[in-house]
Amino acid sequence: MNAYEHLQREQDRIDNEFARSLEQSTYEPTEITNLKKTVVRYKAALMLISTSEDICEAAEIATGALE
C-alpha cells in the first residue's frame, strides 16, 4: 500500500467515525472539532501527494493529524 492509499483509507475511517459520532452524539463539541481538524489535515496531505512529489511535506501534515 502506497502513502496515498494509506492516507485515503485513514481519511475514510475518520469520516466514518465522524459520521457515526454525530448520529450517536457520543462526542463532546471539542472532540468533534478535533476530528474535523484531523480530516482537514488528511485531506491536505492527500492533495499534496496527488499533486506533488514532496512526500515528506505530506507525511509531516499527516503526522500532525495523528498527534
N, C-alpha and C. Protein backbone atom coordinates (compact mmCIF):
# COMPACT_ATOMS: atom_id res chain seq x y z
N MET A 1 0.85 -1.17 0.00
CA MET A 1 0.00 0.00 0.00
C MET A 1 0.90 1.24 0.00
N ASN A 2 0.65 2.13 -0.95
CA ASN A 2 1.46 3.34 -1.00
C ASN A 2 0.91 4.40 -0.04
N ALA A 3 1.63 5.50 0.07
CA ALA A 3 1.24 6.54 1.03
C ALA A 3 -0.13 7.12 0.72
N TYR A 4 -0.43 7.32 -0.55
CA TYR A 4 -1.73 7.87 -0.93
C TYR A 4 -2.86 6.94 -0.50
N GLU A 5 -2.71 5.65 -0.78
CA GLU A 5 -3.75 4.68 -0.41
C GLU A 5 -3.93 4.63 1.10
N HIS A 6 -2.81 4.69 1.83
CA HIS A 6 -2.87 4.66 3.29
C HIS A 6 -3.63 5.87 3.82
N LEU A 7 -3.30 7.05 3.33
CA LEU A 7 -3.98 8.26 3.80
C LEU A 7 -5.45 8.26 3.40
N GLN A 8 -5.74 7.74 2.20
CA GLN A 8 -7.14 7.68 1.76
C GLN A 8 -7.93 6.75 2.69
N ARG A 9 -7.33 5.63 3.06
CA ARG A 9 -8.00 4.68 3.96
C ARG A 9 -8.23 5.30 5.33
N GLU A 10 -7.23 6.02 5.83
CA GLU A 10 -7.37 6.68 7.12
C GLU A 10 -8.43 7.78 7.06
N GLN A 11 -8.46 8.51 5.96
CA GLN A 11 -9.47 9.55 5.80
C GLN A 11 -10.87 8.94 5.81
N ASP A 12 -11.04 7.85 5.11
CA ASP A 12 -12.34 7.17 5.08
C ASP A 12 -12.75 6.71 6.47
N ARG A 13 -11.78 6.16 7.22
CA ARG A 13 -12.06 5.69 8.57
C ARG A 13 -12.50 6.85 9.47
N ILE A 14 -11.79 7.96 9.37
CA ILE A 14 -12.12 9.13 10.19
C ILE A 14 -13.47 9.71 9.78
N ASP A 15 -13.72 9.79 8.47
CA ASP A 15 -15.02 10.29 8.00
C ASP A 15 -16.16 9.43 8.54
N ASN A 16 -15.97 8.11 8.50
CA ASN A 16 -17.00 7.19 9.01
C ASN A 16 -17.19 7.34 10.51
N GLU A 17 -16.09 7.45 11.24
CA GLU A 17 -16.17 7.63 12.69
C GLU A 17 -16.87 8.95 13.03
N PHE A 18 -16.54 9.97 12.28
CA PHE A 18 -17.16 11.28 12.50
C PHE A 18 -18.66 11.21 12.26
N ALA A 19 -19.07 10.58 11.17
CA ALA A 19 -20.50 10.46 10.86
C ALA A 19 -21.23 9.67 11.95
N ARG A 20 -20.61 8.57 12.41
CA ARG A 20 -21.23 7.77 13.48
C ARG A 20 -21.33 8.57 14.77
N SER A 21 -20.30 9.34 15.07
CA SER A 21 -20.31 10.11 16.32
C SER A 21 -21.42 11.14 16.33
N LEU A 22 -21.65 11.76 15.18
CA LEU A 22 -22.73 12.74 15.11
C LEU A 22 -24.09 12.06 15.30
N GLU A 23 -24.25 10.88 14.71
CA GLU A 23 -25.51 10.15 14.85
C GLU A 23 -25.74 9.72 16.30
N GLN A 24 -24.68 9.29 16.96
CA GLN A 24 -24.80 8.75 18.31
C GLN A 24 -24.61 9.83 19.38
N SER A 25 -24.13 10.99 18.98
CA SER A 25 -23.86 12.09 19.92
C SER A 25 -23.00 11.63 21.09
N THR A 26 -21.95 10.87 20.79
CA THR A 26 -21.08 10.37 21.85
C THR A 26 -19.88 11.28 22.11
N TYR A 27 -19.68 12.26 21.27
CA TYR A 27 -18.53 13.13 21.42
C TYR A 27 -18.95 14.51 21.92
N GLU A 28 -18.07 15.10 22.69
CA GLU A 28 -18.25 16.48 23.13
C GLU A 28 -17.93 17.40 21.95
N PRO A 29 -18.41 18.64 21.97
CA PRO A 29 -18.11 19.57 20.87
C PRO A 29 -16.62 19.73 20.57
N THR A 30 -15.78 19.73 21.61
CA THR A 30 -14.34 19.87 21.35
C THR A 30 -13.79 18.65 20.64
N GLU A 31 -14.31 17.47 20.95
CA GLU A 31 -13.86 16.26 20.27
C GLU A 31 -14.27 16.27 18.80
N ILE A 32 -15.46 16.77 18.52
CA ILE A 32 -15.93 16.88 17.14
C ILE A 32 -15.04 17.85 16.38
N THR A 33 -14.69 18.96 17.00
CA THR A 33 -13.80 19.93 16.37
C THR A 33 -12.45 19.30 16.07
N ASN A 34 -11.92 18.52 17.00
CA ASN A 34 -10.63 17.85 16.78
C ASN A 34 -10.72 16.86 15.63
N LEU A 35 -11.82 16.12 15.53
CA LEU A 35 -12.00 15.20 14.41
C LEU A 35 -12.05 15.96 13.09
N LYS A 36 -12.74 17.07 13.07
CA LYS A 36 -12.82 17.88 11.84
C LYS A 36 -11.42 18.34 11.43
N LYS A 37 -10.61 18.78 12.40
CA LYS A 37 -9.26 19.23 12.10
C LYS A 37 -8.42 18.08 11.53
N THR A 38 -8.60 16.89 12.09
CA THR A 38 -7.87 15.72 11.61
C THR A 38 -8.25 15.42 10.17
N VAL A 39 -9.52 15.47 9.86
CA VAL A 39 -9.98 15.22 8.49
C VAL A 39 -9.37 16.24 7.54
N VAL A 40 -9.34 17.49 7.94
CA VAL A 40 -8.76 18.53 7.08
C VAL A 40 -7.28 18.26 6.84
N ARG A 41 -6.56 17.85 7.87
CA ARG A 41 -5.12 17.56 7.70
C ARG A 41 -4.91 16.39 6.74
N TYR A 42 -5.71 15.34 6.88
CA TYR A 42 -5.58 14.20 5.97
C TYR A 42 -5.89 14.61 4.54
N LYS A 43 -6.91 15.41 4.36
CA LYS A 43 -7.26 15.85 3.00
C LYS A 43 -6.14 16.70 2.41
N ALA A 44 -5.52 17.54 3.23
CA ALA A 44 -4.40 18.36 2.75
C ALA A 44 -3.23 17.46 2.34
N ALA A 45 -2.96 16.45 3.14
CA ALA A 45 -1.88 15.52 2.82
C ALA A 45 -2.18 14.77 1.53
N LEU A 46 -3.42 14.34 1.35
CA LEU A 46 -3.81 13.64 0.12
C LEU A 46 -3.63 14.54 -1.10
N MET A 47 -3.99 15.80 -0.96
CA MET A 47 -3.82 16.73 -2.08
C MET A 47 -2.35 16.90 -2.43
N LEU A 48 -1.50 17.00 -1.42
CA LEU A 48 -0.07 17.16 -1.68
C LEU A 48 0.50 15.94 -2.37
N ILE A 49 0.10 14.76 -1.93
CA ILE A 49 0.61 13.54 -2.54
C ILE A 49 0.14 13.43 -3.99
N SER A 50 -1.10 13.78 -4.24
CA SER A 50 -1.63 13.61 -5.59
C SER A 50 -1.16 14.70 -6.55
N THR A 51 -0.69 15.83 -6.04
CA THR A 51 -0.29 16.92 -6.92
C THR A 51 1.20 17.24 -6.84
N SER A 52 1.92 16.58 -5.99
CA SER A 52 3.32 16.95 -5.77
C SER A 52 4.16 15.72 -5.50
N GLU A 53 5.43 15.87 -5.71
CA GLU A 53 6.38 14.80 -5.40
C GLU A 53 6.91 14.93 -3.97
N ASP A 54 6.47 15.95 -3.26
CA ASP A 54 7.01 16.20 -1.93
C ASP A 54 6.30 15.35 -0.88
N ILE A 55 6.64 14.09 -0.84
CA ILE A 55 6.04 13.15 0.10
C ILE A 55 6.39 13.51 1.54
N CYS A 56 7.57 14.06 1.76
CA CYS A 56 7.98 14.42 3.12
C CYS A 56 7.04 15.46 3.72
N GLU A 57 6.68 16.47 2.94
CA GLU A 57 5.77 17.50 3.43
C GLU A 57 4.40 16.91 3.74
N ALA A 58 3.93 16.03 2.88
CA ALA A 58 2.64 15.38 3.12
C ALA A 58 2.70 14.51 4.37
N ALA A 59 3.81 13.83 4.56
CA ALA A 59 3.96 12.98 5.75
C ALA A 59 3.96 13.81 7.02
N GLU A 60 4.58 14.98 6.98
CA GLU A 60 4.58 15.86 8.15
C GLU A 60 3.17 16.32 8.49
N ILE A 61 2.38 16.64 7.49
CA ILE A 61 1.00 17.05 7.74
C ILE A 61 0.21 15.88 8.32
N ALA A 62 0.37 14.71 7.73
CA ALA A 62 -0.35 13.54 8.23
C ALA A 62 0.08 13.20 9.65
N THR A 63 1.37 13.33 9.94
CA THR A 63 1.85 13.06 11.29
C THR A 63 1.23 14.04 12.27
N GLY A 64 1.10 15.29 11.88
CA GLY A 64 0.46 16.28 12.73
C GLY A 64 -0.98 15.92 13.01
N ALA A 65 -1.63 15.27 12.06
CA ALA A 65 -3.02 14.85 12.24
C ALA A 65 -3.13 13.75 13.28
N LEU A 66 -2.07 12.99 13.45
CA LEU A 66 -2.11 11.88 14.40
C LEU A 66 -1.75 12.30 15.81
N GLU A 67 -1.20 13.50 15.97
CA GLU A 67 -0.77 13.96 17.30
C GLU A 67 -1.93 14.47 18.11
